[in-house]
């Protein structure tokens, strides 16, 4: 049987694997590197105000090396700093600028737990950030739905914006590979939509993990999920890195 996915004239209608030769776009969907600094690096503010930690910077370097030989046409990022820093590491070896796409941002969450009162020491702030992120992870993994947190972005809106922005990126790069750096909740919701799952969160997305999707029009195919080979090879993965 001939392999139509490798024929230059194969179109999307007769290409079950959505090959690049048929005009599909291959998207490397990446979670940002670790951004939970210790007391020596933590910045005033919340999680979105933090830069990559020392561990995160090493993870981003390992990710960049992993993707160095991949022919990337573009690199896109969420507007949040930790995602942009990760994306910059990926883009640099390819001589690319990072395109910021606001709709790649993380799921909007309602309040979780009591707000911190008064001035925290760096040690207390670093600990509080870790505790809060773990609270969010526990809710995500045990319920699979953000609706359990009042005031959170509705599932339909979350999925719609992520599918729309990734479809726009795919349309802009037919027959090419692109890297997209986003967040655990956002990546879960998009892939849940691709797979037709009810839960918005169904797997613990590791920092700098790579999931690969091919897109051609309304057709989407998941090729790999939560690949952390570059972290395992450099001893930069621990179970907590998935939270």
Protein backbone atom coordinates (compact mmCIF):
# COMPACT_ATOMS: atom_id res chain seq x y z
CA UNK A 1 0.00 0.00 0.00
CA UNK A 2 1.40 3.41 -0.94
CA UNK A 3 2.00 6.04 1.73
CA UNK A 4 0.04 9.08 0.56
CA UNK A 5 1.37 11.17 3.47
CA UNK A 6 4.77 11.28 1.77
CA UNK A 7 3.57 12.09 -1.75
CA UNK A 8 4.19 15.72 -2.80
CA UNK A 9 0.69 15.93 -4.32
CA UNK A 10 -1.10 14.52 -1.27
CA UNK A 11 -3.86 16.86 -0.12
CA UNK A 12 -5.54 17.04 3.29
CA UNK A 13 -8.58 15.09 2.10
CA UNK A 14 -6.54 11.93 1.38
CA UNK A 15 -3.82 12.41 4.00
CA UNK A 16 -4.83 10.71 7.24
CA UNK A 17 -1.59 11.73 8.98
CA UNK A 18 -1.84 15.45 8.15
CA UNK A 19 1.67 15.59 6.71
CA UNK A 20 3.40 18.92 6.21
CA UNK A 21 3.52 18.20 2.46
CA UNK A 22 -0.26 18.44 2.37
CA UNK A 23 -0.14 21.90 3.96
CA UNK A 24 -0.57 20.92 7.58
CA UNK A 25 1.17 22.79 10.40
CA UNK A 26 3.12 20.94 13.07
CA UNK A 27 2.86 22.72 16.43
CA UNK A 28 5.30 22.04 19.26
CA UNK A 29 3.13 22.95 22.23
CA UNK A 30 5.38 23.65 25.22
CA UNK A 31 4.79 24.49 28.85
CA UNK A 32 7.08 27.22 30.20
CA UNK A 33 10.07 26.35 32.40
CA UNK A 34 9.99 26.41 36.22
CA UNK A 35 9.19 29.85 37.66
CA UNK A 36 9.07 29.19 41.39
CA UNK A 37 12.28 30.85 42.60
CA UNK A 38 13.72 30.24 46.02
CA UNK A 39 14.04 33.01 48.60
CA UNK A 40 17.28 34.24 47.02
CA UNK A 41 15.55 35.04 43.69
CA UNK A 42 11.87 35.60 44.43
CA UNK A 43 10.31 38.89 43.34
CA UNK A 44 7.58 40.85 45.11
CA UNK A 45 4.14 40.00 43.81
CA UNK A 46 2.37 36.86 42.66
CA UNK A 47 3.23 33.94 40.42
CA UNK A 48 2.85 35.96 37.22
CA UNK A 49 5.47 38.42 38.48
CA UNK A 50 8.17 35.75 38.82
CA UNK A 51 11.00 35.19 36.37
CA UNK A 52 12.34 31.72 35.62
CA UNK A 53 14.09 30.13 38.57
CA UNK A 54 17.64 28.84 38.39
CA UNK A 55 16.17 25.40 37.66
CA UNK A 56 13.87 26.93 35.07
CA UNK A 57 16.75 28.60 33.24
CA UNK A 58 18.55 25.27 32.99
CA UNK A 59 15.36 23.59 31.79
CA UNK A 60 14.93 26.27 29.11
CA UNK A 61 18.52 25.71 27.96
CA UNK A 62 17.92 21.95 27.71
CA UNK A 63 14.70 22.59 25.77
CA UNK A 64 16.48 24.95 23.36
CA UNK A 65 19.17 22.36 22.73
CA UNK A 66 16.51 19.69 22.14
CA UNK A 67 14.82 21.85 19.50
CA UNK A 68 17.99 23.23 17.93
CA UNK A 69 17.85 20.78 15.02
CA UNK A 70 14.11 21.17 14.45
CA UNK A 71 13.34 23.42 11.51
CA UNK A 72 11.13 26.04 13.17
CA UNK A 73 9.47 28.74 11.10
CA UNK A 74 8.25 30.75 14.11
CA UNK A 75 8.08 30.82 17.90
CA UNK A 76 5.01 32.13 19.74
CA UNK A 77 4.41 32.79 23.42
CA UNK A 78 1.85 33.68 26.02
CA UNK A 79 2.32 37.29 27.24
CA UNK A 80 3.32 36.12 30.74
CA UNK A 81 7.01 36.61 31.52
CA UNK A 82 7.87 33.00 32.36
CA UNK A 83 6.50 31.87 28.99
CA UNK A 84 8.26 34.65 27.07
CA UNK A 85 11.59 33.82 28.71
CA UNK A 86 11.21 30.17 27.79
CA UNK A 87 10.22 31.05 24.23
CA UNK A 88 13.23 33.36 23.88
CA UNK A 89 15.54 30.45 24.70
CA UNK A 90 13.90 28.35 21.99
CA UNK A 91 13.94 31.14 19.41
CA UNK A 92 17.55 32.27 19.87
CA UNK A 93 19.35 29.37 18.10
CA UNK A 94 17.03 29.83 15.10
CA UNK A 95 17.49 33.60 14.87
CA UNK A 96 13.77 34.13 15.38
CA UNK A 97 11.80 36.79 17.22
CA UNK A 98 9.13 35.65 19.66
CA UNK A 99 5.59 36.49 18.60
CA UNK A 100 3.41 37.27 21.63
CA UNK A 101 -0.18 36.02 21.37
CA UNK A 102 -2.38 37.21 24.29
CA UNK A 103 -4.85 34.34 23.85
CA UNK A 104 -2.12 31.82 24.76
CA UNK A 105 -2.39 33.04 28.37
CA UNK A 106 -3.23 30.69 31.23
CA UNK A 107 -6.79 29.93 32.30
CA UNK A 108 -8.29 32.78 34.30
CA UNK A 109 -8.90 31.57 37.84
CA UNK A 110 -11.03 32.90 40.65
CA UNK A 111 -9.52 33.45 44.12
CA UNK A 112 -8.00 30.46 45.92
CA UNK A 113 -7.54 30.54 49.69
CA UNK A 114 -6.93 33.64 51.81
CA UNK A 115 -4.93 36.55 50.48
CA UNK A 116 -1.52 37.09 52.07
CA UNK A 117 -1.63 39.89 54.63
CA UNK A 118 1.18 42.26 55.48
CA UNK A 119 4.76 42.12 54.28
CA UNK A 120 6.21 38.68 53.68
CA UNK A 121 9.86 37.77 53.95
CA UNK A 122 11.42 36.28 50.79
CA UNK A 123 11.30 32.86 52.44
CA UNK A 124 7.60 33.25 53.27
CA UNK A 125 6.74 34.55 49.80
CA UNK A 126 8.58 31.71 48.05
CA UNK A 127 6.80 29.21 50.28
CA UNK A 128 3.40 30.81 49.72
CA UNK A 129 3.83 30.72 45.93
CA UNK A 130 4.69 27.02 46.01
CA UNK A 131 1.75 26.31 48.30
CA UNK A 132 -0.70 28.19 46.09
CA UNK A 133 0.47 26.50 42.90
CA UNK A 134 0.16 23.14 44.59
CA UNK A 135 -3.41 24.00 45.67
CA UNK A 136 -4.26 24.77 42.07
CA UNK A 137 -2.62 21.55 40.86
CA UNK A 138 -4.57 19.46 43.37
CA UNK A 139 -7.86 21.01 42.23
CA UNK A 140 -6.96 20.49 38.56
CA UNK A 141 -5.89 16.88 38.93
CA UNK A 142 -8.67 15.76 41.28
CA UNK A 143 -11.60 17.49 39.55
CA UNK A 144 -10.38 18.07 36.00
CA UNK A 145 -12.55 21.20 35.87
CA UNK A 146 -11.86 24.82 36.79
CA UNK A 147 -15.53 25.44 37.52
CA UNK A 148 -14.89 24.13 41.04
CA UNK A 149 -13.13 27.47 41.65
CA UNK A 150 -15.88 30.17 41.61
CA UNK A 151 -15.16 33.03 39.22
CA UNK A 152 -12.90 31.03 36.90
CA UNK A 153 -12.94 31.25 33.12
CA UNK A 154 -15.77 29.04 31.77
CA UNK A 155 -14.71 25.87 29.97
CA UNK A 156 -16.40 26.82 26.69
CA UNK A 157 -14.68 30.22 26.58
CA UNK A 158 -11.32 28.74 27.56
CA UNK A 159 -11.40 26.09 24.86
CA UNK A 160 -12.74 28.46 22.23
CA UNK A 161 -9.99 31.01 22.64
CA UNK A 162 -7.22 28.40 22.61
CA UNK A 163 -8.54 26.55 19.58
CA UNK A 164 -9.00 29.87 17.80
CA UNK A 165 -5.50 31.21 18.49
CA UNK A 166 -3.79 27.94 17.57
CA UNK A 167 -5.88 27.70 14.41
CA UNK A 168 -4.74 31.23 13.50
CA UNK A 169 -1.12 30.28 14.07
CA UNK A 170 -1.55 27.12 11.97
CA UNK A 171 -3.19 29.06 9.14
CA UNK A 172 -0.23 31.46 9.08
CA UNK A 173 2.29 28.61 8.68
CA UNK A 174 1.02 25.94 6.26
CA UNK A 175 3.55 23.18 5.70
CA UNK A 176 5.79 24.43 8.53
CA UNK A 177 6.76 23.66 12.12
CA UNK A 178 6.25 26.22 14.89
CA UNK A 179 6.89 26.30 18.63
CA UNK A 180 4.22 27.67 20.97
CA UNK A 181 4.95 28.30 24.66
CA UNK A 182 1.96 28.43 26.98
CA UNK A 183 0.77 27.11 30.35
CA UNK A 184 -0.36 23.84 31.93
CA UNK A 185 -4.06 24.67 32.14
CA UNK A 186 -4.18 26.19 28.68
CA UNK A 187 -2.36 23.25 27.07
CA UNK A 188 -4.64 20.76 28.84
CA UNK A 189 -7.77 22.57 27.72
CA UNK A 190 -6.64 22.76 24.09
CA UNK A 191 -5.64 19.10 23.92
CA UNK A 192 -8.86 18.10 25.68
CA UNK A 193 -10.73 19.89 22.90
CA UNK A 194 -8.63 18.12 20.25
CA UNK A 195 -9.30 14.72 21.85
CA UNK A 196 -12.95 15.38 22.64
CA UNK A 197 -12.54 14.96 26.40
CA UNK A 198 -14.97 16.39 28.94
CA UNK A 199 -12.30 17.29 31.51
CA UNK A 200 -10.38 20.51 30.93
CA UNK A 201 -7.35 19.15 32.81
CA UNK A 202 -6.37 15.52 32.28
CA UNK A 203 -2.58 15.19 32.60
CA UNK A 204 0.15 16.79 34.77
CA UNK A 205 2.00 18.99 32.30
CA UNK A 206 5.72 19.08 33.14
CA UNK A 207 7.74 22.27 32.81
CA UNK A 208 9.19 22.51 29.26
CA UNK A 209 7.34 19.35 28.22
CA UNK A 210 6.60 19.11 24.50
CA UNK A 211 3.31 17.95 23.01
CA UNK A 212 3.09 17.86 19.21
CA UNK A 213 -0.08 18.52 17.24
CA UNK A 214 -0.69 18.72 13.51
CA UNK A 215 -3.41 21.04 12.25
CA UNK A 216 -4.97 21.39 8.81
CA UNK A 217 -8.16 23.40 8.68
CA UNK A 218 -10.64 21.84 11.09
CA UNK A 219 -8.62 18.62 11.34
CA UNK A 220 -6.24 18.15 14.28
CA UNK A 221 -4.06 15.21 15.29
CA UNK A 222 -2.08 14.66 18.49
CA UNK A 223 1.32 13.10 17.72
CA UNK A 224 2.98 13.13 21.16
CA UNK A 225 2.13 14.16 24.70
CA UNK A 226 4.19 15.57 27.58
CA UNK A 227 7.60 14.61 26.14
CA UNK A 228 10.34 15.33 28.72
CA UNK A 229 13.24 13.45 27.16
CA UNK A 230 15.47 16.52 27.34
CA UNK A 231 14.82 16.85 31.10
CA UNK A 232 15.49 13.19 31.82
CA UNK A 233 18.72 13.32 29.84
CA UNK A 234 19.98 16.26 31.90
CA UNK A 235 18.61 15.23 35.32
CA UNK A 236 16.29 18.26 35.40
CA UNK A 237 13.01 16.45 36.06
CA UNK A 238 11.49 15.57 39.41
CA UNK A 239 7.87 14.52 40.11
CA UNK A 240 7.16 17.96 41.59
CA UNK A 241 8.08 19.57 38.26
CA UNK A 242 4.70 18.48 36.92
CA UNK A 243 2.78 20.59 39.45
